[in-house]
């Protein structure tokens, strides 16, 4: 089953007089790229959190945050020393630069880190047990999101593969006319110079057969059909297959391009353009597959 690299998860767990909140989101990336914002006493667990994310999510650009939100009065305190120090410094800075001081210093100063702080700074084992549950739950929800997104991608790819397969099925009806057109064009050109150049009809027939064989597209059609089936097989049976699906899509593109270069027929070239359009949509979305 496919999984997308795009996802979001959030967990809120009450603890004492506050809420422990874990949030995580991911986007597509070739490698695992983790960015964390961990507040307060949880900072000591940053490496442990990163390790857990790497093990669970495998790949993607991941943004994670873990913080607390007070739910009872008295849980948060004002650091009076920091409040006073910041007030004096900012007031002095405003005067020296001829900047008008704010009318409401409280509103300004209470937004500064360290002015407001939790009443309990040291992380206890009990609190970390609850916080780790929040982290795991947020990751679980993100994975569920990825699975849902992956189901949508699987339907999208299946539809596009069916369209390419249907277009490939239209090619044979033009192959006979394509060969006849090539032969007719060559014969007409030779007739125009028949009175100037003598040629051996048998040798001409041999060269014509050789030329037409070079334009044969049987192998390209078979390889493209095989790539379509392999894409479906990988999509259905393997995990973490995003890079492999990308490689298969590239191979499909090579066969479609060769069909176009060998076509020599307007209707077949239209079919090739349509197949390229379907394949480009696959390539865009396959970047989101885990």
Protein backbone atom coordinates (compact mmCIF):
# COMPACT_ATOMS: atom_id res chain seq x y z
CA UNK A 1 0.00 0.00 0.00
CA UNK A 2 1.26 3.45 -0.89
CA UNK A 3 2.04 6.08 1.72
CA UNK A 4 2.41 9.77 1.04
CA UNK A 5 5.23 11.80 2.56
CA UNK A 6 2.74 14.56 3.30
CA UNK A 7 1.00 14.41 6.67
CA UNK A 8 0.08 16.10 9.93
CA UNK A 9 -0.44 14.83 13.46
CA UNK A 10 -1.22 16.48 16.80
CA UNK A 11 -1.63 15.14 20.31
CA UNK A 12 -2.74 16.96 23.48
CA UNK A 13 -2.32 15.24 26.86
CA UNK A 14 -3.32 16.93 30.16
CA UNK A 15 -0.71 16.77 32.89
CA UNK A 16 -1.05 18.52 36.24
CA UNK A 17 -2.13 22.07 35.58
CA UNK A 18 -1.05 22.18 31.95
CA UNK A 19 -1.43 20.52 28.56
CA UNK A 20 1.45 18.76 26.82
CA UNK A 21 1.14 19.39 23.07
CA UNK A 22 3.04 17.54 20.34
CA UNK A 23 2.66 18.58 16.70
CA UNK A 24 4.32 17.09 13.65
CA UNK A 25 4.00 17.65 9.91
CA UNK A 26 5.91 16.29 6.95
CA UNK A 27 6.44 17.16 3.29
CA UNK A 28 8.27 15.37 0.50
CA UNK A 29 12.06 15.19 0.53
CA UNK A 30 14.66 12.88 -0.98
CA UNK A 31 16.11 12.18 2.47
CA UNK A 32 15.06 12.43 6.11
CA UNK A 33 15.25 16.10 7.13
CA UNK A 34 14.09 16.78 10.71
CA UNK A 35 13.54 20.18 12.31
CA UNK A 36 12.49 20.27 15.99
CA UNK A 37 11.24 22.99 18.32
CA UNK A 38 11.24 21.59 21.86
CA UNK A 39 10.48 23.93 24.74
CA UNK A 40 11.54 24.04 28.38
CA UNK A 41 12.82 20.96 30.15
CA UNK A 42 11.98 18.76 27.13
CA UNK A 43 15.10 20.03 25.33
CA UNK A 44 17.18 17.30 26.97
CA UNK A 45 15.05 14.75 25.10
CA UNK A 46 15.60 16.31 21.67
CA UNK A 47 18.01 13.61 20.43
CA UNK A 48 15.71 10.83 21.65
CA UNK A 49 12.77 12.46 19.85
CA UNK A 50 14.75 12.80 16.61
CA UNK A 51 15.74 9.15 16.77
CA UNK A 52 12.13 8.06 17.23
CA UNK A 53 10.95 10.20 14.30
CA UNK A 54 13.67 8.77 12.02
CA UNK A 55 12.72 5.21 12.89
CA UNK A 56 9.00 5.71 12.41
CA UNK A 57 8.81 8.00 9.37
CA UNK A 58 11.77 6.85 7.22
CA UNK A 59 11.81 9.81 4.81
CA UNK A 60 10.51 13.35 4.36
CA UNK A 61 10.99 16.93 5.51
CA UNK A 62 9.65 16.82 9.07
CA UNK A 63 8.79 19.73 11.37
CA UNK A 64 8.16 18.74 14.99
CA UNK A 65 7.28 20.79 18.06
CA UNK A 66 6.71 19.84 21.70
CA UNK A 67 5.50 22.43 24.19
CA UNK A 68 3.14 23.03 27.10
CA UNK A 69 0.09 25.24 27.55
CA UNK A 70 -1.07 26.26 31.05
CA UNK A 71 -4.63 25.36 32.02
CA UNK A 72 -4.68 26.63 35.64
CA UNK A 73 -3.91 29.97 37.21
CA UNK A 74 -0.56 30.17 38.93
CA UNK A 75 1.08 27.58 36.69
CA UNK A 76 3.01 30.28 34.83
CA UNK A 77 5.14 32.86 36.60
CA UNK A 78 6.76 36.14 35.63
CA UNK A 79 10.54 36.28 35.91
CA UNK A 80 10.78 39.66 37.66
CA UNK A 81 14.52 40.05 37.14
CA UNK A 82 14.25 39.33 33.43
CA UNK A 83 11.23 41.64 33.16
CA UNK A 84 13.14 44.52 34.79
CA UNK A 85 16.33 43.92 32.82
CA UNK A 86 14.55 43.83 29.46
CA UNK A 87 12.54 46.94 30.38
CA UNK A 88 15.64 48.97 31.21
CA UNK A 89 17.53 47.77 28.15
CA UNK A 90 14.71 48.42 25.69
CA UNK A 91 13.96 51.83 27.23
CA UNK A 92 17.60 52.84 26.89
CA UNK A 93 17.72 51.53 23.32
CA UNK A 94 14.59 53.49 22.39
CA UNK A 95 15.99 56.76 23.79
CA UNK A 96 19.37 56.40 22.12
CA UNK A 97 17.69 55.83 18.75
CA UNK A 98 14.98 58.48 19.21
CA UNK A 99 12.24 55.85 19.12
CA UNK A 100 9.02 56.40 21.01
CA UNK A 101 8.60 53.96 23.91
CA UNK A 102 5.54 51.67 23.86
CA UNK A 103 2.59 52.75 25.96
CA UNK A 104 1.94 49.21 27.19
CA UNK A 105 5.24 47.71 28.36
CA UNK A 106 3.53 44.62 29.75
CA UNK A 107 2.23 43.60 26.34
CA UNK A 108 5.72 43.92 24.85
CA UNK A 109 7.74 42.36 27.65
CA UNK A 110 5.49 39.38 28.29
CA UNK A 111 6.14 38.20 24.72
CA UNK A 112 9.88 37.95 25.33
CA UNK A 113 11.26 34.45 26.03
CA UNK A 114 12.28 33.84 29.66
CA UNK A 115 10.02 36.62 31.03
CA UNK A 116 7.18 34.11 31.32
CA UNK A 117 8.21 30.67 32.52
CA UNK A 118 6.62 27.57 33.94
CA UNK A 119 6.57 27.15 37.66
CA UNK A 120 8.20 23.69 37.36
CA UNK A 121 11.37 23.65 35.25
CA UNK A 122 12.82 20.22 36.00
CA UNK A 123 11.48 17.34 33.93
CA UNK A 124 10.23 14.45 36.02
CA UNK A 125 10.01 10.86 34.83
CA UNK A 126 6.24 10.94 35.22
CA UNK A 127 5.92 14.04 33.02
CA UNK A 128 8.25 12.62 30.37
CA UNK A 129 6.19 9.43 30.26
CA UNK A 130 3.15 11.52 29.38
CA UNK A 131 5.12 13.70 26.96
CA UNK A 132 6.52 10.64 25.16
CA UNK A 133 2.95 9.35 24.79
CA UNK A 134 2.04 12.65 23.14
CA UNK A 135 5.01 12.34 20.78
CA UNK A 136 4.11 8.76 19.80
CA UNK A 137 0.43 9.63 19.35
CA UNK A 138 1.25 12.60 17.11
CA UNK A 139 3.46 10.37 14.94
CA UNK A 140 0.69 7.74 14.79
CA UNK A 141 -1.77 10.34 13.54
CA UNK A 142 0.70 11.58 10.95
CA UNK A 143 1.16 8.04 9.68
CA UNK A 144 -2.60 7.59 9.44
CA UNK A 145 -2.73 10.82 7.44
CA UNK A 146 0.03 9.49 5.17
CA UNK A 147 -1.88 6.27 4.56
CA UNK A 148 -5.04 8.19 3.63
CA UNK A 149 -3.07 10.42 1.27
CA UNK A 150 -1.35 7.32 -0.16
CA UNK A 151 -4.73 5.76 -0.98
CA UNK A 152 -5.61 8.86 -2.96
CA UNK A 153 -2.28 8.71 -4.81
CA UNK A 154 -2.84 5.04 -5.64
CA UNK A 155 -6.20 5.84 -7.25
CA UNK A 156 -4.60 8.71 -9.16
CA UNK A 157 -1.73 6.56 -10.48
CA UNK A 158 -4.09 3.72 -11.40
CA UNK A 159 -6.22 6.10 -13.45
CA UNK A 160 -3.20 7.58 -15.25
CA UNK A 161 -1.71 4.13 -15.97
CA UNK A 162 -5.05 2.98 -17.38
CA UNK A 163 -5.10 6.03 -19.65
CA UNK A 164 -1.59 5.34 -20.95
CA UNK A 165 -2.45 1.68 -21.47
CA UNK A 166 -5.60 2.65 -23.37
CA UNK A 167 -3.63 5.05 -25.57
CA UNK A 168 -1.03 2.34 -26.23
CA UNK A 169 -3.86 0.09 -27.38
CA UNK A 170 -4.76 2.65 -30.08
CA UNK A 171 -1.31 2.50 -31.69
CA UNK A 172 -1.67 -0.78 -33.70
CA UNK A 173 -4.54 0.56 -35.82
CA UNK A 174 -2.16 3.10 -37.38
CA UNK A 175 0.89 0.87 -37.86
CA UNK A 176 -0.10 -0.60 -41.23
CA UNK A 177 -1.05 2.81 -42.60
CA UNK A 178 2.20 4.20 -41.22
CA UNK A 179 4.33 1.65 -43.09
CA UNK A 180 2.33 2.05 -46.30
CA UNK A 181 2.75 5.81 -46.08
CA UNK A 182 6.52 5.51 -45.68
CA UNK A 183 6.81 3.12 -48.63
CA UNK A 184 4.57 5.30 -50.79
CA UNK A 185 6.58 8.42 -50.01
CA UNK A 186 9.86 6.71 -50.89
CA UNK A 187 8.46 5.29 -54.15
CA UNK A 188 7.07 8.68 -55.18
CA UNK A 189 10.43 10.31 -54.55
CA UNK A 190 12.21 7.67 -56.63
CA UNK A 191 9.76 8.11 -59.51
CA UNK A 192 10.64 11.78 -59.66
CA UNK A 193 14.29 10.96 -60.27
CA UNK A 194 13.74 7.74 -62.29
CA UNK A 195 14.78 9.38 -65.57
CA UNK A 196 18.03 10.61 -64.03
CA UNK A 197 19.17 7.71 -61.86
CA UNK A 198 18.90 4.01 -62.58
CA UNK A 199 18.44 1.71 -59.58
CA UNK A 200 18.10 -1.99 -58.92
CA UNK A 201 14.50 -2.74 -57.82
CA UNK A 202 15.63 -5.80 -55.82
CA UNK A 203 18.25 -3.79 -53.95
CA UNK A 204 15.67 -1.07 -53.36
CA UNK A 205 13.32 -3.63 -51.82
CA UNK A 206 16.07 -4.86 -49.51
CA UNK A 207 16.95 -1.34 -48.39
CA UNK A 208 13.28 -0.53 -47.90
CA UNK A 209 12.83 -3.58 -45.66
CA UNK A 210 15.92 -2.60 -43.66
CA UNK A 211 14.67 0.98 -43.26
CA UNK A 212 11.20 -0.11 -42.14
CA UNK A 213 12.71 -2.56 -39.63
CA UNK A 214 14.58 0.32 -38.03
CA UNK A 215 11.23 2.06 -37.51
CA UNK A 216 9.61 -1.03 -35.97
CA UNK A 217 8.08 -0.20 -32.57
CA UNK A 218 7.13 -3.69 -31.37
CA UNK A 219 9.81 -3.78 -28.68
CA UNK A 220 8.97 -0.28 -27.43
CA UNK A 221 5.30 -1.19 -27.11
CA UNK A 222 6.12 -4.39 -25.22
CA UNK A 223 8.56 -2.69 -22.85
CA UNK A 224 6.10 0.13 -22.13
CA UNK A 225 3.38 -2.42 -21.34
CA UNK A 226 5.80 -4.26 -19.04
CA UNK A 227 6.73 -1.02 -17.22
CA UNK A 228 3.04 -0.22 -16.68
CA UNK A 229 2.45 -3.65 -15.14
CA UNK A 230 5.59 -3.40 -12.99
CA UNK A 231 4.50 0.03 -11.71
CA UNK A 232 1.19 -1.51 -10.61
CA UNK A 233 2.96 -4.47 -8.99
CA UNK A 234 5.36 -2.31 -6.98
CA UNK A 235 2.57 0.06 -6.01
CA UNK A 236 0.48 -2.81 -4.61
CA UNK A 237 3.04 -5.02 -2.92
CA UNK A 238 5.99 -3.02 -1.58
CA UNK A 239 6.55 -0.44 1.17
CA UNK A 240 8.66 2.69 0.84
CA UNK A 241 8.60 2.40 -2.94
CA UNK A 242 8.58 6.08 -3.96
CA UNK A 243 12.08 6.13 -5.44
CA UNK A 244 11.51 2.86 -7.32
CA UNK A 245 8.27 4.17 -8.82
CA UNK A 246 10.17 7.26 -9.92
CA UNK A 247 12.72 5.08 -11.74
CA UNK A 248 9.95 3.09 -13.44
CA UNK A 249 8.28 6.32 -14.58
CA UNK A 250 11.60 7.42 -16.12
CA UNK A 251 11.82 4.16 -18.07
CA UNK A 252 8.24 4.62 -19.28
CA UNK A 253 9.24 8.06 -20.51
CA UNK A 254 12.12 6.62 -22.55
CA UNK A 255 9.84 4.17 -24.34
CA UNK A 256 7.21 6.82 -25.04
CA UNK A 257 9.88 9.18 -26.42
CA UNK A 258 11.18 6.43 -28.73
CA UNK A 259 7.66 5.75 -29.94
CA UNK A 260 7.37 9.42 -30.81
CA UNK A 261 10.69 9.56 -32.67
CA UNK A 262 9.82 6.45 -34.71
CA UNK A 263 6.16 7.19 -35.35
CA UNK A 264 6.30 9.14 -38.66
CA UNK A 265 2.52 9.38 -38.45
CA UNK A 266 0.44 12.33 -37.30
CA UNK A 267 -2.18 10.29 -35.43
CA UNK A 268 0.47 8.28 -33.62
CA UNK A 269 2.30 11.46 -32.65
CA UNK A 270 -0.93 12.80 -31.13
CA UNK A 271 -1.21 9.59 -29.09
CA UNK A 272 2.40 9.99 -27.93
CA UNK A 273 1.73 13.57 -26.80
CA UNK A 274 -1.28 12.39 -24.79
CA UNK A 275 0.78 9.62 -23.17
CA UNK A 276 3.50 12.13 -22.25
CA UNK A 277 0.91 14.36 -20.61
CA UNK A 278 -0.40 11.48 -18.48
CA UNK A 279 3.14 10.42 -17.56
CA UNK A 280 4.17 13.94 -16.51
CA UNK A 281 1.28 14.00 -14.05
CA UNK A 282 2.51 10.69 -12.64
CA UNK A 283 6.06 12.05 -12.29
CA UNK A 284 4.82 15.13 -10.43
CA UNK A 285 2.87 13.11 -7.88
CA UNK A 286 5.36 10.26 -7.48
CA UNK A 287 7.63 12.77 -5.71
CA UNK A 288 5.14 12.70 -2.81
CA UNK A 289 5.31 8.91 -2.36
CA UNK A 290 7.25 7.58 0.61
